Protein backbone atom coordinates (compact mmCIF):
# COMPACT_ATOMS: atom_id res chain seq x y z
CA MET A 1 104.15 1.65 122.05
CA LYS A 2 102.19 4.90 121.82
CA THR A 3 101.88 6.74 124.65
CA ASN A 4 99.03 8.05 125.95
CA VAL A 5 99.46 11.86 127.66
CA CYS A 6 97.14 11.29 131.00
CA ILE A 7 97.75 15.16 132.94
CA THR A 8 96.38 14.89 136.58
CA LEU A 9 96.41 17.77 138.79
CA LEU A 10 97.24 16.16 142.33
CA LEU A 11 97.29 19.03 144.72
CA LEU A 12 94.77 22.59 144.28
CA LEU A 13 97.88 25.29 143.09
CA LEU A 14 98.78 27.43 145.14
CA SER A 15 101.36 28.85 142.02
CA PRO A 16 101.46 29.03 138.67
CA LEU A 17 102.72 25.31 138.53
CA ALA A 18 100.81 22.28 140.43
CA LEU A 19 102.52 21.09 143.16
CA ALA A 20 102.33 17.42 141.71
CA ILE A 21 101.65 16.93 137.85
CA SER A 22 101.22 13.16 136.59
CA VAL A 23 101.93 11.72 133.80
CA THR A 24 101.88 8.45 131.46
CA THR A 25 104.56 7.02 129.58
CA ALA A 26 105.15 3.94 128.09
CA GLN A 27 106.89 2.36 131.04
CA GLY A 28 103.97 3.49 133.36
CA GLU A 29 102.22 6.68 135.26
CA ILE A 30 104.95 9.24 136.39
CA VAL A 31 104.76 11.45 139.11
CA GLY A 32 106.78 15.17 138.89
CA SER A 33 106.74 18.00 140.59
CA GLY A 34 106.31 22.15 140.24
CA GLN A 35 109.74 24.08 141.29
CA ASN A 36 111.47 27.00 140.12
CA GLY A 37 109.06 27.88 137.24
CA ALA A 38 109.05 24.30 135.68
CA TYR A 39 108.13 21.05 136.27
CA SER A 40 110.63 18.29 136.58
CA PHE A 41 110.84 14.60 137.00
CA LYS A 42 113.54 13.26 138.76
CA GLY A 43 115.66 9.65 138.68
CA ILE A 44 113.47 8.00 136.01
CA PRO A 45 114.73 4.43 135.17
CA TYR A 46 115.70 4.19 131.55
CA ALA A 47 117.25 0.49 131.97
CA ALA A 48 117.41 -1.89 134.26
CA PRO A 49 120.04 -1.86 136.84
CA PRO A 50 123.42 -2.78 135.43
CA VAL A 51 124.56 -4.71 139.01
CA GLY A 52 124.98 -8.46 139.65
CA GLN A 53 125.95 -10.23 135.88
CA LEU A 54 124.38 -7.23 134.67
CA ARG A 55 127.51 -5.54 135.43
CA TRP A 56 129.39 -5.02 131.80
CA LEU A 57 126.38 -6.09 129.64
CA PRO A 58 124.90 -3.46 127.70
CA PRO A 59 121.83 -1.61 128.78
CA GLN A 60 118.36 -4.17 129.24
CA ALA A 61 115.18 -3.07 128.58
CA VAL A 62 113.71 -1.28 132.06
CA ALA A 63 110.55 -2.95 133.74
CA ALA A 64 107.49 -1.29 133.49
CA ASN A 65 106.37 0.83 136.60
CA LYS A 66 103.55 -1.85 138.64
CA SER A 67 102.56 1.64 140.49
CA PRO A 68 103.21 5.83 140.04
CA LEU A 69 106.75 6.30 140.38
CA GLN A 70 107.82 9.47 142.25
CA ALA A 71 110.18 11.43 140.68
CA SER A 72 110.61 14.02 142.80
CA GLN A 73 114.37 13.45 143.46
CA PHE A 74 117.53 12.69 141.70
CA GLY A 75 118.37 9.14 141.22
CA PRO A 76 121.98 7.99 142.61
CA MET A 77 124.80 8.60 141.16
CA CYS A 78 127.13 6.40 139.11
CA LEU A 79 130.00 5.10 141.53
CA GLN A 80 132.81 7.40 141.39
CA VAL A 81 135.56 9.07 143.29
CA ALA A 82 133.60 10.46 146.80
CA ARG A 83 134.18 14.02 147.46
CA ALA A 84 132.74 16.66 149.37
CA ASP A 85 129.93 17.40 147.16
CA ARG A 86 129.41 14.23 146.06
CA PRO A 87 129.49 11.81 149.19
CA ALA A 88 129.55 7.69 149.16
CA SER A 89 126.00 7.65 150.26
CA GLY A 90 124.66 9.05 147.48
CA MET A 91 126.41 6.44 144.88
CA SER A 92 125.06 3.29 143.54
CA GLU A 93 125.67 0.99 140.38
CA ASP A 94 122.18 1.00 140.16
CA CYS A 95 122.47 4.77 138.45
CA LEU A 96 120.68 4.62 134.92
CA THR A 97 118.57 7.52 135.39
CA LEU A 98 117.21 10.35 133.71
CA ASN A 99 115.80 13.56 134.97
CA VAL A 100 113.05 15.61 132.65
CA TRP A 101 112.69 19.79 133.31
CA THR A 102 108.87 20.90 131.13
CA THR A 103 106.76 23.95 131.65
CA ASP A 104 103.86 22.37 129.85
CA VAL A 105 103.36 18.74 129.56
CA GLY A 106 99.87 19.71 126.99
CA ALA A 107 101.31 22.12 124.55
CA SER A 108 102.27 21.69 121.18
CA PRO A 109 105.64 19.86 120.87
CA ARG A 110 109.28 21.68 121.62
CA PRO A 111 112.28 21.20 121.21
CA VAL A 112 114.43 18.46 123.07
CA MET A 113 117.88 19.49 124.74
CA VAL A 114 119.35 15.98 126.15
CA TRP A 115 122.35 17.30 128.54
CA ILE A 116 125.44 14.55 128.91
CA HIS A 117 127.40 15.43 131.46
CA GLY A 118 131.32 15.82 131.81
CA GLY A 119 133.80 14.70 134.33
CA GLY A 120 136.41 12.92 132.64
CA PHE A 121 134.13 9.70 132.02
CA ARG A 122 135.35 9.08 135.91
CA GLY A 123 132.70 11.58 137.74
CA GLY A 124 129.33 13.97 137.51
CA SER A 125 125.93 13.28 136.93
CA GLY A 126 122.74 14.66 135.36
CA ASN A 127 121.90 16.74 138.77
CA VAL A 128 121.61 19.79 137.02
CA PRO A 129 119.29 23.06 136.93
CA GLY A 130 117.62 21.66 133.71
CA GLU A 131 114.85 24.43 134.02
CA VAL A 132 117.11 26.91 132.89
CA PHE A 133 116.48 25.68 128.99
CA ALA A 134 112.81 24.52 130.34
CA GLN A 135 111.75 28.08 131.10
CA LYS A 136 112.93 29.09 127.35
CA GLY A 137 111.18 26.67 126.10
CA ALA A 138 113.04 23.60 125.73
CA VAL A 139 111.80 20.06 126.87
CA VAL A 140 115.69 19.20 128.94
CA VAL A 141 116.46 16.03 129.69
CA SER A 142 119.55 15.20 131.73
CA ILE A 143 121.08 11.55 131.80
CA ASN A 144 123.50 9.66 134.17
CA TYR A 145 125.82 6.80 132.40
CA ARG A 146 128.20 4.31 133.42
CA LEU A 147 131.77 5.46 134.57
CA GLY A 148 135.20 4.47 134.98
CA PRO A 149 136.02 0.71 134.25
CA LEU A 150 132.39 -0.02 134.36
CA GLY A 151 131.56 2.07 131.77
CA PHE A 152 134.70 1.37 130.00
CA LEU A 153 136.67 -1.84 129.79
CA ALA A 154 137.97 -4.23 127.63
CA HIS A 155 139.08 -7.06 129.32
CA PRO A 156 139.65 -10.32 127.64
CA SER A 157 137.62 -12.24 130.13
CA LEU A 158 134.82 -10.26 128.56
CA ALA A 159 136.01 -10.48 125.17
CA GLU A 160 132.65 -11.09 123.80
CA LEU A 161 130.95 -7.98 125.05
CA PRO A 162 131.27 -4.37 123.86
CA SER A 163 133.92 -2.47 125.69
CA ASN A 164 131.92 1.15 125.90
CA MET A 165 128.84 0.64 127.97
CA ALA A 166 128.57 3.71 128.94
CA VAL A 167 127.96 4.77 125.35
CA LEU A 168 125.63 2.22 125.07
CA ASP A 169 123.59 3.41 128.39
CA MET A 170 123.73 6.86 126.32
CA ILE A 171 121.69 5.45 123.74
CA GLN A 172 119.59 3.45 125.42
CA SER A 173 118.88 7.17 127.26
CA LEU A 174 118.08 8.46 123.60
CA LYS A 175 115.71 5.63 122.48
CA TRP A 176 113.71 6.14 126.03
CA VAL A 177 113.45 9.91 124.59
CA GLN A 178 112.05 9.11 121.18
CA THR A 179 109.41 6.57 122.92
CA ASN A 180 108.56 8.77 125.73
CA ILE A 181 109.27 12.33 125.50
CA HIS A 182 106.13 13.63 123.82
CA ALA A 183 104.30 13.11 127.18
CA PHE A 184 106.40 15.55 128.77
CA GLY A 185 105.71 18.12 125.84
CA GLY A 186 108.44 17.57 123.68
CA ASP A 187 109.26 16.59 119.99
CA PRO A 188 111.03 13.04 119.25
CA GLY A 189 111.60 14.71 115.80
CA ASN A 190 114.08 17.40 116.86
CA VAL A 191 116.61 16.85 119.71
CA THR A 192 119.34 18.02 120.25
CA ILE A 193 122.10 16.08 122.39
CA PHE A 194 125.09 18.68 124.26
CA GLY A 195 127.35 18.31 126.78
CA VAL A 196 130.92 19.83 127.91
CA SER A 197 134.56 18.21 128.42
CA ALA A 198 133.04 14.68 128.10
CA GLY A 199 129.88 15.51 127.50
CA GLY A 200 130.98 16.84 124.49
CA MET A 201 133.66 14.20 123.67
CA ALA A 202 130.28 12.04 124.14
CA VAL A 203 128.51 14.32 121.72
CA ASP A 204 131.73 13.65 118.81
CA LEU A 205 131.17 9.78 119.87
CA LEU A 206 127.62 9.92 119.16
CA MET A 207 127.57 11.76 115.75
CA THR A 208 129.62 8.88 114.98
CA ASN A 209 128.67 6.04 116.37
CA ASP A 210 126.09 4.29 113.16
CA LEU A 211 124.11 2.65 116.41
CA ALA A 212 122.50 6.18 117.23
CA ASP A 213 121.42 7.11 113.81
CA GLY A 214 118.43 8.90 113.85
CA LEU A 215 117.87 9.34 117.36
CA PHE A 216 118.75 13.18 117.70
CA HIS A 217 118.50 15.76 115.08
CA ARG A 218 121.49 18.46 116.07
CA ALA A 219 124.52 18.40 118.10
CA ILE A 220 126.67 21.13 120.59
CA ALA A 221 130.04 19.30 121.47
CA GLN A 222 131.43 22.03 123.80
CA SER A 223 135.26 21.44 124.46
CA GLY A 224 135.13 17.58 122.75
CA TYR A 225 138.03 15.63 121.82
CA ALA A 226 137.29 13.86 119.32
CA THR A 227 140.70 14.04 117.79
CA TRP A 228 142.69 12.77 121.05
CA ALA A 229 143.96 8.96 120.83
CA LEU A 230 142.50 6.43 122.11
CA PRO A 231 143.11 2.95 123.34
CA ARG A 232 142.02 -0.06 121.18
CA SER A 233 140.91 -3.59 121.83
CA ASP A 234 142.04 -6.21 120.04
CA LYS A 235 138.33 -6.27 117.62
CA ALA A 236 139.71 -2.39 116.68
CA PRO A 237 140.05 -2.06 112.84
CA THR A 238 143.47 -2.14 111.46
CA PRO A 239 145.38 -0.18 110.62
CA ALA A 240 145.13 1.80 113.63
CA PRO A 241 146.30 5.12 113.74
CA ARG A 242 149.51 5.97 115.83
CA ASN A 243 149.09 7.49 120.01
CA THR A 244 149.71 11.03 121.21
CA TYR A 245 153.60 10.08 121.41
CA MET A 246 153.54 8.90 117.43
CA GLU A 247 153.80 5.14 118.78
CA GLU A 248 151.50 2.05 118.76
CA ALA A 249 148.33 2.87 120.05
CA GLU A 250 147.67 1.64 123.87
CA ASP A 251 146.34 -1.70 124.30
CA ALA A 252 142.99 -1.81 125.79
CA GLU A 253 143.26 -5.63 127.64
CA SER A 254 146.70 -4.74 128.77
CA MET A 255 145.24 -1.77 130.48
CA ALA A 256 142.34 -3.29 131.35
CA ARG A 257 144.41 -6.04 133.19
CA GLU A 258 147.10 -3.36 134.89
CA LEU A 259 143.90 -2.18 136.65
CA VAL A 260 142.18 -4.70 137.73
CA ALA A 261 145.37 -6.03 139.32
CA ARG A 262 145.29 -2.86 141.32
CA VAL A 263 142.35 -4.13 143.11
CA SER A 264 143.36 -7.59 143.53
CA ASN A 265 146.17 -9.74 142.77
CA LYS A 266 144.03 -12.97 142.07
CA PRO A 267 143.47 -14.86 138.83
CA GLN A 268 141.44 -12.46 136.33
CA THR A 269 139.03 -14.56 135.27
CA ARG A 270 135.41 -14.06 134.30
CA GLU A 271 134.06 -14.72 137.92
CA MET A 272 136.78 -12.82 139.62
CA LEU A 273 135.47 -9.60 137.69
CA TYR A 274 132.06 -9.88 138.51
CA GLN A 275 133.15 -10.11 142.39
CA LEU A 276 135.13 -7.67 142.45
CA ASP A 277 133.82 -4.09 144.49
CA GLY A 278 133.11 -1.47 142.02
CA ARG A 279 134.00 1.38 144.57
CA GLN A 280 137.06 0.33 144.18
CA LEU A 281 137.56 -0.47 140.48
CA VAL A 282 136.71 3.25 140.09
CA GLU A 283 139.29 4.37 142.72
CA ALA A 284 142.12 1.87 141.28
CA LEU A 285 141.61 4.51 137.94
CA ARG A 286 144.34 7.12 137.13
CA GLY A 287 143.42 10.27 135.72
CA PHE A 288 140.55 10.15 133.10
CA GLN A 289 138.58 7.63 131.84
CA VAL A 290 138.90 7.57 127.87
CA PRO A 291 136.35 5.73 125.38
CA ILE A 292 137.71 2.24 124.04
CA VAL A 293 137.88 1.82 119.96
CA ASP A 294 136.03 -1.79 119.65
CA GLY A 295 134.74 -1.72 116.37
CA ARG A 296 131.51 -2.37 117.67
CA SER A 297 130.38 0.35 120.33
CA VAL A 298 133.06 3.10 119.16
CA GLN A 299 133.91 1.91 115.51
CA GLU A 300 136.67 4.32 114.98
CA GLU A 301 138.64 7.43 116.60
CA PRO A 302 135.31 9.94 116.48
CA GLY A 303 138.07 12.42 114.69
CA ILE A 304 139.02 10.08 111.70
CA ARG A 305 135.54 9.20 111.29
CA PHE A 306 134.62 12.71 110.81
CA VAL A 307 137.52 12.96 108.42
CA ARG A 308 135.83 9.93 106.35
CA GLY A 309 132.80 11.73 106.19
CA ARG A 310 131.40 9.24 108.39
CA GLN A 311 129.02 11.55 110.75
CA ASN A 312 125.80 11.76 111.48
CA PRO A 313 124.81 14.43 108.93
CA VAL A 314 122.67 16.92 111.56
CA PRO A 315 123.81 20.84 112.58
CA LEU A 316 126.79 20.98 114.63
CA ILE A 317 128.21 23.79 116.88
CA THR A 318 131.66 22.95 118.42
CA GLY A 319 133.90 25.05 120.21
CA GLY A 320 136.15 25.66 123.29
CA ASN A 321 137.95 28.05 125.13
CA SER A 322 140.98 30.30 125.55
CA TYR A 323 142.67 28.21 128.74
CA GLU A 324 141.32 24.94 128.28
CA GLY A 325 144.81 23.66 129.23
CA SER A 326 143.57 24.34 132.99
CA GLY A 327 141.86 20.59 133.01
CA MET A 328 145.53 18.85 132.26
CA VAL A 329 145.93 18.64 136.02
CA TRP A 330 143.41 15.81 136.26
CA SER A 331 144.34 14.38 133.30
CA GLY A 332 147.29 11.84 134.46
CA ILE A 333 149.50 13.95 132.29
CA SER A 334 152.68 16.01 133.09
CA ASN A 335 154.19 18.47 131.57
CA GLU A 336 156.99 16.39 130.81
CA ASP A 337 154.69 13.79 129.42
CA TYR A 338 153.48 16.07 126.94
CA ARG A 339 156.91 17.87 126.08
CA ARG A 340 157.95 14.05 125.66
CA ALA A 341 155.11 13.58 123.11
CA LEU A 342 156.16 17.09 121.12
CA GLY A 343 159.39 15.34 120.58
CA SER A 344 161.59 16.88 117.78
CA ASP A 345 158.67 19.71 117.56
CA VAL A 346 158.92 21.21 121.10
CA GLU A 347 161.00 23.93 120.17
CA GLU A 348 158.65 25.09 117.32
CA ALA A 349 156.21 24.55 119.58
CA ARG A 350 157.45 26.90 122.20
CA LYS A 351 157.91 29.76 119.20
CA LEU A 352 154.36 29.62 118.58
CA TYR A 353 153.99 29.83 122.39
CA ALA A 354 155.84 32.58 123.20
CA ASP A 355 153.59 34.67 124.99
CA ASP A 356 153.07 32.16 127.64
CA LYS A 357 155.84 32.06 130.36
CA ARG A 358 157.57 28.89 132.20
CA ASP A 359 155.92 25.70 130.95
CA ILE A 360 152.17 27.49 131.16
CA TRP A 361 152.83 27.12 127.61
CA LEU A 362 152.54 23.35 127.59
CA GLN A 363 149.18 23.29 129.07
CA ARG A 364 147.73 25.87 126.90
CA MET A 365 148.93 23.75 124.08
CA TRP A 366 148.01 20.53 125.92
CA GLY A 367 144.36 22.14 126.28
CA ASP A 368 144.58 23.66 122.19
CA ASN A 369 145.42 20.15 121.14
CA ARG A 370 143.06 18.23 123.28
CA TYR A 371 139.97 20.67 122.28
CA LEU A 372 140.48 23.42 119.89
CA VAL A 373 141.91 21.32 117.19
CA SER A 374 139.27 19.08 117.63
CA ALA A 375 136.51 21.98 116.79
CA ARG A 376 138.02 22.97 113.77
CA VAL A 377 138.69 19.70 112.39
CA LEU A 378 135.18 18.74 112.94
CA GLY A 379 134.27 22.02 111.53
CA ASP A 380 136.10 21.28 108.29
CA SER A 381 134.66 17.77 108.15
CA MET A 382 130.85 18.37 108.06
CA ARG A 383 131.44 19.54 104.42
CA HIS A 384 131.24 16.13 103.46
CA THR A 385 127.75 16.71 104.73
CA THR A 386 124.57 18.62 103.48
CA ALA A 387 124.54 19.79 107.48
CA PRO A 388 126.17 23.32 108.97
CA ALA A 389 128.65 23.76 111.43
CA TRP A 390 128.68 26.96 113.86
CA LEU A 391 132.81 27.07 115.59
CA TYR A 392 132.66 29.23 118.65
CA TYR A 393 136.25 29.82 120.85
CA ILE A 394 135.31 31.72 124.26
CA ASP A 395 137.57 34.38 126.17
CA PHE A 396 136.44 36.00 128.70
CA LEU A 397 137.40 36.63 132.74
CA SER A 398 135.00 38.04 134.90
CA GLU A 399 136.55 40.81 136.80
CA ALA A 400 137.21 38.50 139.81
CA ASN A 401 139.07 36.21 137.66
CA LYS A 402 141.14 38.92 135.69
CA GLY A 403 144.94 38.77 136.91
CA LEU A 404 144.68 35.38 138.01
CA GLU A 405 143.75 33.29 135.11
CA PRO A 406 145.68 33.35 132.16
CA GLY A 407 141.93 32.77 129.66
CA THR A 408 139.11 30.70 130.47
CA THR A 409 139.43 27.98 131.93
CA HIS A 410 138.56 24.47 131.00
CA GLY A 411 134.20 23.62 132.04
CA THR A 412 133.72 27.51 132.05
CA ASP A 413 131.36 27.10 129.29
CA GLY A 414 129.50 24.64 131.35
CA TYR A 415 128.94 26.92 134.46
CA LEU A 416 127.73 29.63 131.70
CA ILE A 417 124.96 27.96 130.47
CA PHE A 418 123.39 26.80 133.56
CA THR A 419 124.16 29.21 136.50
CA GLY A 420 126.28 32.09 134.73
CA HIS A 421 123.44 34.25 134.73
CA LEU A 422 122.66 34.15 138.15
CA ALA A 423 126.65 35.71 138.69
CA PRO A 424 127.47 38.70 140.65
CA ASP A 425 129.02 40.40 137.81
CA GLU A 426 126.81 41.88 134.61
CA ALA A 427 129.88 41.07 132.71
CA THR A 428 128.97 37.02 133.52
CA ARG A 429 125.29 37.76 133.15
CA SER A 430 125.39 39.27 130.12
CA VAL A 431 127.66 36.71 128.64
CA SER A 432 125.44 33.44 130.39
CA ASN A 433 122.41 35.04 128.63
CA ARG A 434 124.16 35.44 125.07
CA LEU A 435 125.13 31.94 125.20
CA GLN A 436 122.22 30.46 126.47
CA GLN A 437 120.29 32.29 123.84
CA TYR A 438 122.43 30.92 120.92
CA TRP A 439 121.90 27.60 122.21
CA PHE A 440 118.02 27.55 122.45
CA ASN A 441 118.03 28.83 119.09
CA PHE A 442 119.65 26.68 117.79
CA ALA A 443 117.63 23.91 119.56
CA SER A 444 114.99 25.26 118.14
CA GLY A 445 115.70 26.15 114.35
CA GLY A 446 118.65 24.39 113.98
CA ASN A 447 120.38 27.52 113.49
CA PRO A 448 121.97 30.04 116.72
CA ASN A 449 121.37 33.30 115.01
CA GLY A 450 118.62 35.47 116.68
CA ALA A 451 117.46 38.93 117.53
CA GLY A 452 119.52 40.72 119.63
CA LEU A 453 122.75 38.59 118.82
CA VAL A 454 126.13 38.96 116.97
CA ASN A 455 125.62 37.31 113.85
CA TRP A 456 127.32 33.77 113.63
CA PRO A 457 128.45 32.94 110.18
CA ARG A 458 128.37 29.39 109.57
CA TYR A 459 131.88 27.41 109.36
CA LYS A 460 134.28 27.06 106.07
CA ARG A 461 137.92 26.27 106.49
CA SER A 462 138.61 28.98 103.48
CA THR A 463 137.07 31.55 105.92
CA ASP A 464 137.72 30.43 109.35
CA LYS A 465 135.16 32.16 110.80
CA TRP A 466 134.48 31.46 114.73
CA LEU A 467 132.20 33.26 117.05
CA VAL A 468 134.64 35.08 119.92
CA ILE A 469 132.39 35.08 122.96
CA SER A 470 133.91 37.88 124.78
CA ASP A 471 132.75 40.76 126.90
CA SER A 472 130.82 41.46 123.60
CA ASP A 473 130.78 38.86 120.68
CA ARG A 474 132.51 39.00 117.56
CA ALA A 475 132.99 36.75 114.57
CA GLU A 476 136.55 36.19 114.21
CA ALA A 477 138.39 34.78 111.11
CA GLY A 478 141.94 32.98 112.24
CA VAL A 479 140.96 32.32 115.89
CA ILE A 480 144.45 31.22 117.17
CA GLN A 481 145.33 29.58 113.44
CA LYS A 482 149.29 29.16 113.64
CA LYS A 483 148.62 27.50 116.69
CA LEU A 484 145.99 25.18 114.89
CA ASP A 485 147.68 24.88 111.70
CA PHE A 486 151.14 23.25 114.08
CA ILE A 487 148.76 21.11 115.70
CA GLU A 488 146.49 20.18 113.21
CA SER A 489 149.50 18.75 111.24
CA ARG A 490 150.52 16.44 113.75
CA TYR A 491 146.85 15.38 114.35
CA ARG A 492 147.21 14.23 110.40
CA ASN A 493 150.55 12.68 110.60
CA ARG A 494 149.24 10.70 113.51
CA ILE A 495 146.17 9.06 112.16
CA ASN A 496 147.93 8.90 108.67
CA ASN A 497 151.03 7.26 109.49
C-alpha cells in the first residue's frame, strides 16, 4: 500500500523543530515530537502483540490505527532480567515496537540506518539516542525483538514452529521499514542495518537469511560472532559441524526441556508451555541466549553460510575490540570451560598469548575467538560476492581507563557511536566523532571513506589490512595475525570435521 505523506504542524513553532508533528503511514497517522535537534516517533508497533496463543508464533501483522498514534514515549522493553536501569515495570511480552528519528519528513529521501540492540539476546532494547545519526542526515530506526526463550526456543511440543522468533521479528521490522520509511523522509532503497554484540550477530544472521533478501542494502556487524558454534534442532541440515569442544553439536530440544524444567516440574505439553509465566522463563536462562539452527528461521550457522558464499551480497563493515574477552564473565563460560575447549592445543595457545598474565589470556583469547576471527572470516568470504568489505579493530583507552583495562572492552564501540562524543576527554570525543562519520559515510554511499578521515582500504585476505582505531587511526596489515591464524584453523577444523 502506497503511503501518502501528510505533514501537519500541531503547535506553533517555538524552536527550529515543531513541538509535535504528524505523518501518515500504511498503518495510519503517527504523531511524533521534536527534541534534541530531531523529530522522534517512539513506540510504534510493527507487529501484533506476541501474547497468549501468539507467544511463539512468527510475528503477525499489526492492526491499523483507529486514531492517531501518540508516539512520544519508548514502548515497553521485552521481558528480561530486571536491574536498576531496567525495572520490571517497564517490561512486557507486548513489546514489538520500533522508533524513528528524522530531521525533515519532507526532504528528498535520505539513507536509513536500522539499529539492532545487543545484550546477549537476553537483554537490552531499542532505547537509544537515534538523533545522533539523524542530525548527520540519516533517518534512524531502532527496534525491540523478543528475548531469551521467548525469542529462541526449539521445544518438541512446538515442533511445527520456527525456533528463532526474534530473527523473524527483525525481518518483520525491516518489512515495516520498506513499507513506511519514506513517510519519515527515508529511502527504502538505501537501508543499512547495524548493531553491536548480539546486535552484530543479528546482522550476521540477517546477512545469511534467505527471508531477509532485499530488505537492506548495507550492513555493519560490530563484535558479531558468526563463527561461534550454535545449538541445532532436529530440523537442522546435516551433516552438522562440531561444537566448541569438538564434540557433537548441542541439541536445542534438550536445552529447551532443561530450561522449562527449571520453571515447572509439570509435564511439558504445549498447553503447559503457554501457561508458563514469561518472566520466570527469561529469568531461568543461564548465560547468553544463543540462536538456533533450525533450517528455517536460521538456515545454518552464519559463518558457514559466508564461507559457502551464501551471504547477502551487500557492502559490509565488521570488526571488534582489543579486549573483547571482558564479556566472558556474562557468557556462562568459565575459564576452565574454555581451557577444556582448547584441549591439546592449550600450550600452543598459551604461548601465543604470553603477553597476558594469569588467566586473563584465556579471556582475551575467548574474545578473539568469539568476535575477531568472525570478522576476518566474514571479510575474507565477501570475495565470493561482488560486494566489498572493510574490517576494523578498536584499540583505544581513555585517560581514565589507562592502566585499569588491558584493552578496549566489549561493547565500547556501542558507546562510541552513540554517546562517546559527549565524553569529558577530548581523545574519546575525537574517536567517537570519527567512528560516527565513517558509519554515516558508509550508510550514505556504501563506502566509509571521506574528507578528514584516514583512508580505510577494502579488505583482501592477501593484504589483510584493517583500520586500527586508536588515538589516531591507521591502516595496518596482519592485526593479531598469528593469534587469528591459530583460532581460524580450529574453526575450519570444527566446521569441516
